[in-house]
């Protein structure tokens, strides 16, 4: 299964090409998002993550609540979080894994 990179939103044609080495780009939403429509945001994110795997990545960008929903649902589903943070022209990685008790 090919690794996916989830971008929360594609607004104004943002260039995510630097994330290509981490996997196939999947745009979760496009255009303006109503930040107060939390039920709609969570429904959209849940549908987008239906085929996600523990090795997939999330780009930290876009509307905060959208990124928070994406990270929260991914972590709840996979008990880990793989983030791509853009800095100085490239992506830096951050990974968190839930420790068993």
N, C-alpha and C. Protein backbone atom coordinates (compact mmCIF):
# COMPACT_ATOMS: atom_id res chain seq x y z
N UNK A 1 0.84 -1.18 0.00
CA UNK A 1 0.00 0.00 0.00
C UNK A 1 0.89 1.25 0.00
N UNK A 2 0.61 2.17 -0.89
CA UNK A 2 1.40 3.39 -1.01
C UNK A 2 1.07 4.36 0.13
N UNK A 3 2.11 4.97 0.68
CA UNK A 3 1.93 5.96 1.74
C UNK A 3 1.23 7.19 1.20
N UNK A 4 0.34 7.78 2.03
CA UNK A 4 -0.39 8.98 1.64
C UNK A 4 0.09 10.16 2.48
N UNK A 5 -0.04 11.34 1.89
CA UNK A 5 0.24 12.59 2.58
C UNK A 5 -1.05 13.39 2.54
N UNK A 6 -1.63 13.67 3.70
CA UNK A 6 -2.89 14.41 3.77
C UNK A 6 -2.61 15.90 3.96
N UNK A 7 -3.12 16.70 3.03
CA UNK A 7 -3.07 18.16 3.15
C UNK A 7 -4.47 18.61 3.54
N UNK A 8 -4.63 19.30 4.66
CA UNK A 8 -5.95 19.67 5.13
C UNK A 8 -6.78 20.45 4.12
N UNK A 9 -6.14 21.37 3.38
CA UNK A 9 -6.90 22.22 2.47
C UNK A 9 -6.02 22.68 1.32
N UNK A 10 -6.63 22.79 0.14
CA UNK A 10 -5.95 23.37 -1.02
C UNK A 10 -6.65 24.69 -1.32
N UNK A 11 -6.05 25.75 -0.85
CA UNK A 11 -6.62 27.08 -1.04
C UNK A 11 -5.63 27.91 -1.86
N UNK A 12 -6.09 28.48 -2.92
CA UNK A 12 -5.26 29.32 -3.77
C UNK A 12 -4.11 28.56 -4.43
N UNK A 13 -4.31 27.28 -4.69
CA UNK A 13 -3.31 26.50 -5.42
C UNK A 13 -1.98 26.36 -4.72
N UNK A 14 -1.98 26.17 -3.43
CA UNK A 14 -0.74 26.01 -2.66
C UNK A 14 0.10 24.86 -3.25
N UNK A 15 1.41 25.05 -3.24
CA UNK A 15 2.33 24.06 -3.80
C UNK A 15 2.79 23.10 -2.70
N UNK A 16 2.35 21.86 -2.80
CA UNK A 16 2.74 20.84 -1.83
C UNK A 16 3.77 19.86 -2.43
N UNK A 17 4.40 20.23 -3.53
CA UNK A 17 5.30 19.30 -4.23
C UNK A 17 6.48 18.85 -3.37
N UNK A 18 6.90 19.63 -2.39
CA UNK A 18 8.02 19.23 -1.54
C UNK A 18 7.66 18.03 -0.66
N UNK A 19 6.37 17.73 -0.54
CA UNK A 19 5.93 16.58 0.26
C UNK A 19 5.93 15.28 -0.54
N UNK A 20 6.18 15.36 -1.83
CA UNK A 20 6.12 14.18 -2.71
C UNK A 20 6.99 13.00 -2.24
N UNK A 21 8.18 13.22 -1.69
CA UNK A 21 8.98 12.08 -1.24
C UNK A 21 8.34 11.26 -0.12
N UNK A 22 7.34 11.83 0.55
CA UNK A 22 6.71 11.14 1.68
C UNK A 22 5.49 10.33 1.28
N UNK A 23 4.99 10.53 0.06
CA UNK A 23 3.84 9.75 -0.38
C UNK A 23 2.95 10.49 -1.35
N UNK A 24 1.85 9.86 -1.66
CA UNK A 24 0.87 10.40 -2.61
C UNK A 24 0.00 11.45 -1.93
N UNK A 25 -0.11 12.62 -2.54
CA UNK A 25 -0.85 13.73 -1.94
C UNK A 25 -2.36 13.49 -1.99
N UNK A 26 -3.02 13.71 -0.85
CA UNK A 26 -4.48 13.64 -0.75
C UNK A 26 -4.97 14.94 -0.13
N UNK A 27 -5.72 15.71 -0.90
CA UNK A 27 -6.28 16.97 -0.42
C UNK A 27 -7.59 16.65 0.29
N UNK A 28 -7.75 17.10 1.53
CA UNK A 28 -8.95 16.80 2.31
C UNK A 28 -10.09 17.74 1.93
N UNK A 29 -9.81 19.03 1.80
CA UNK A 29 -10.84 20.01 1.42
C UNK A 29 -10.24 21.02 0.46
N UNK A 30 -11.10 21.76 -0.21
CA UNK A 30 -10.63 22.84 -1.09
C UNK A 30 -11.45 24.10 -0.80
N UNK A 31 -10.80 25.24 -0.98
CA UNK A 31 -11.50 26.51 -0.82
C UNK A 31 -11.76 26.88 0.63
N UNK A 32 -12.68 27.83 0.79
CA UNK A 32 -13.02 28.33 2.13
C UNK A 32 -13.80 27.29 2.94
N UNK A 33 -13.49 27.22 4.23
CA UNK A 33 -14.14 26.28 5.14
C UNK A 33 -14.79 27.11 6.26
N UNK A 34 -15.99 26.74 6.64
CA UNK A 34 -16.67 27.38 7.77
C UNK A 34 -16.10 26.80 9.05
N UNK A 35 -15.28 27.56 9.75
CA UNK A 35 -14.61 27.06 10.95
C UNK A 35 -15.56 26.74 12.10
N UNK A 36 -16.80 27.20 12.00
CA UNK A 36 -17.78 26.93 13.04
C UNK A 36 -18.62 25.69 12.75
N UNK A 37 -18.46 25.11 11.58
CA UNK A 37 -19.20 23.89 11.21
C UNK A 37 -18.38 22.66 11.61
N UNK A 38 -18.24 22.46 12.92
CA UNK A 38 -17.39 21.38 13.41
C UNK A 38 -17.89 20.00 13.00
N UNK A 39 -19.20 19.81 13.01
CA UNK A 39 -19.75 18.51 12.60
C UNK A 39 -19.38 18.23 11.15
N UNK A 40 -19.51 19.23 10.30
CA UNK A 40 -19.15 19.06 8.90
C UNK A 40 -17.67 18.80 8.70
N UNK A 41 -16.84 19.51 9.45
CA UNK A 41 -15.39 19.31 9.38
C UNK A 41 -15.03 17.89 9.79
N UNK A 42 -15.57 17.43 10.92
CA UNK A 42 -15.24 16.09 11.39
C UNK A 42 -15.77 15.01 10.45
N UNK A 43 -16.95 15.21 9.86
CA UNK A 43 -17.48 14.26 8.89
C UNK A 43 -16.57 14.17 7.66
N UNK A 44 -16.14 15.33 7.18
CA UNK A 44 -15.26 15.38 6.00
C UNK A 44 -13.92 14.70 6.28
N UNK A 45 -13.34 15.00 7.44
CA UNK A 45 -12.05 14.43 7.80
C UNK A 45 -12.16 12.92 8.01
N UNK A 46 -13.22 12.50 8.67
CA UNK A 46 -13.43 11.07 8.90
C UNK A 46 -13.52 10.30 7.58
N UNK A 47 -14.24 10.87 6.62
CA UNK A 47 -14.35 10.24 5.29
C UNK A 47 -13.00 10.22 4.59
N UNK A 48 -12.23 11.29 4.72
CA UNK A 48 -10.92 11.37 4.07
C UNK A 48 -9.95 10.33 4.63
N UNK A 49 -10.08 10.03 5.91
CA UNK A 49 -9.16 9.09 6.57
C UNK A 49 -9.63 7.64 6.50
N UNK A 50 -10.72 7.37 5.82
CA UNK A 50 -11.28 6.01 5.77
C UNK A 50 -10.27 4.98 5.30
N UNK A 51 -9.40 5.35 4.36
CA UNK A 51 -8.41 4.42 3.82
C UNK A 51 -7.00 4.73 4.31
N UNK A 52 -6.89 5.45 5.42
CA UNK A 52 -5.57 5.82 5.91
C UNK A 52 -4.87 4.63 6.56
N UNK A 53 -3.55 4.74 6.66
CA UNK A 53 -2.76 3.70 7.32
C UNK A 53 -1.85 4.37 8.35
N UNK A 54 -1.32 3.62 9.30
CA UNK A 54 -0.46 4.20 10.34
C UNK A 54 0.80 4.88 9.81
N UNK A 55 1.21 4.56 8.59
CA UNK A 55 2.43 5.14 8.03
C UNK A 55 2.19 6.40 7.21
N UNK A 56 0.95 6.85 7.12
CA UNK A 56 0.63 8.06 6.36
C UNK A 56 1.06 9.31 7.11
N UNK A 57 1.13 10.42 6.39
CA UNK A 57 1.60 11.69 6.93
C UNK A 57 0.51 12.76 6.84
N UNK A 58 0.60 13.77 7.71
CA UNK A 58 -0.28 14.93 7.68
C UNK A 58 0.59 16.17 7.59
N UNK A 59 0.27 17.03 6.63
CA UNK A 59 0.94 18.32 6.52
C UNK A 59 0.26 19.29 7.49
N UNK A 60 1.03 19.93 8.33
CA UNK A 60 0.48 20.90 9.27
C UNK A 60 0.40 22.25 8.56
N UNK A 61 -0.81 22.61 8.16
CA UNK A 61 -1.06 23.85 7.43
C UNK A 61 -2.55 24.13 7.47
N UNK A 62 -2.96 25.27 7.01
CA UNK A 62 -4.37 25.57 6.82
C UNK A 62 -5.07 26.01 8.10
N UNK A 63 -6.37 25.95 8.06
CA UNK A 63 -7.22 26.35 9.18
C UNK A 63 -6.93 25.47 10.40
N UNK A 64 -6.68 26.09 11.55
CA UNK A 64 -6.28 25.35 12.75
C UNK A 64 -7.26 24.24 13.13
N UNK A 65 -8.56 24.52 13.12
CA UNK A 65 -9.53 23.51 13.55
C UNK A 65 -9.56 22.33 12.57
N UNK A 66 -9.33 22.59 11.31
CA UNK A 66 -9.28 21.52 10.31
C UNK A 66 -8.07 20.63 10.54
N UNK A 67 -6.92 21.24 10.77
CA UNK A 67 -5.70 20.48 11.07
C UNK A 67 -5.85 19.72 12.38
N UNK A 68 -6.46 20.34 13.39
CA UNK A 68 -6.66 19.68 14.68
C UNK A 68 -7.57 18.46 14.53
N UNK A 69 -8.64 18.59 13.76
CA UNK A 69 -9.55 17.47 13.53
C UNK A 69 -8.82 16.34 12.81
N UNK A 70 -8.04 16.68 11.80
CA UNK A 70 -7.30 15.67 11.03
C UNK A 70 -6.30 14.95 11.94
N UNK A 71 -5.56 15.68 12.74
CA UNK A 71 -4.58 15.07 13.64
C UNK A 71 -5.26 14.25 14.73
N UNK A 72 -6.32 14.78 15.31
CA UNK A 72 -7.01 14.07 16.39
C UNK A 72 -7.62 12.76 15.93
N UNK A 73 -8.29 12.78 14.79
CA UNK A 73 -8.92 11.55 14.29
C UNK A 73 -7.87 10.55 13.83
N UNK A 74 -6.79 11.03 13.22
CA UNK A 74 -5.72 10.13 12.79
C UNK A 74 -5.08 9.45 14.00
N UNK A 75 -4.78 10.24 15.04
CA UNK A 75 -4.15 9.69 16.24
C UNK A 75 -5.08 8.70 16.95
N UNK A 76 -6.36 9.00 17.01
CA UNK A 76 -7.32 8.09 17.64
C UNK A 76 -7.42 6.78 16.87
N UNK A 77 -7.35 6.86 15.56
CA UNK A 77 -7.48 5.67 14.71
C UNK A 77 -6.22 4.81 14.74
N UNK A 78 -5.06 5.45 14.68
CA UNK A 78 -3.80 4.70 14.49
C UNK A 78 -2.88 4.69 15.71
N UNK A 79 -3.25 5.41 16.76
CA UNK A 79 -2.43 5.50 17.97
C UNK A 79 -1.02 6.01 17.70
N UNK A 80 -0.95 6.87 16.70
CA UNK A 80 0.31 7.53 16.34
C UNK A 80 -0.01 8.74 15.48
N UNK A 81 0.99 9.58 15.27
CA UNK A 81 0.82 10.78 14.48
C UNK A 81 2.11 11.05 13.73
N UNK A 82 2.01 11.23 12.42
CA UNK A 82 3.17 11.51 11.57
C UNK A 82 2.94 12.86 10.90
N UNK A 83 3.72 13.86 11.29
CA UNK A 83 3.51 15.22 10.82
C UNK A 83 4.64 15.69 9.93
N UNK A 84 4.27 16.49 8.92
CA UNK A 84 5.24 17.17 8.07
C UNK A 84 5.11 18.67 8.35
N UNK A 85 6.20 19.27 8.79
CA UNK A 85 6.25 20.69 9.12
C UNK A 85 7.16 21.38 8.11
N UNK A 86 6.64 22.38 7.40
CA UNK A 86 7.40 23.06 6.35
C UNK A 86 8.29 24.12 6.97
N UNK A 87 9.58 24.07 6.64
CA UNK A 87 10.54 25.05 7.15
C UNK A 87 11.70 25.19 6.18
N UNK A 88 12.02 26.39 5.82
CA UNK A 88 13.18 26.67 4.96
C UNK A 88 13.18 25.89 3.66
N UNK A 89 12.01 25.78 3.03
CA UNK A 89 11.93 25.16 1.71
C UNK A 89 11.78 23.66 1.66
N UNK A 90 11.71 23.00 2.81
CA UNK A 90 11.52 21.55 2.82
C UNK A 90 10.70 21.15 4.04
N UNK A 91 10.29 19.90 4.06
CA UNK A 91 9.50 19.39 5.17
C UNK A 91 10.39 18.71 6.20
N UNK A 92 10.13 19.01 7.45
CA UNK A 92 10.76 18.34 8.59
C UNK A 92 9.72 17.38 9.15
N UNK A 93 10.15 16.29 9.72
CA UNK A 93 9.21 15.29 10.22
C UNK A 93 9.14 15.30 11.73
N UNK A 94 7.98 14.94 12.24
CA UNK A 94 7.76 14.74 13.66
C UNK A 94 6.84 13.53 13.80
N UNK A 95 7.22 12.58 14.63
CA UNK A 95 6.39 11.39 14.83
C UNK A 95 6.14 11.17 16.31
N UNK A 96 4.90 10.82 16.62
CA UNK A 96 4.48 10.48 17.98
C UNK A 96 3.78 9.14 17.93
N UNK A 97 4.06 8.31 18.90
CA UNK A 97 3.39 7.01 19.02
C UNK A 97 2.90 6.83 20.45
N UNK A 98 1.69 6.32 20.58
CA UNK A 98 1.14 6.05 21.91
C UNK A 98 1.91 4.90 22.52
N UNK A 99 2.31 5.08 23.76
CA UNK A 99 3.01 4.02 24.49
C UNK A 99 2.00 3.12 25.17
N UNK A 100 2.21 1.82 25.08
CA UNK A 100 1.35 0.89 25.79
C UNK A 100 1.61 0.99 27.27
N UNK A 101 0.53 0.84 28.07
CA UNK A 101 0.67 0.91 29.54
C UNK A 101 1.33 -0.32 30.09
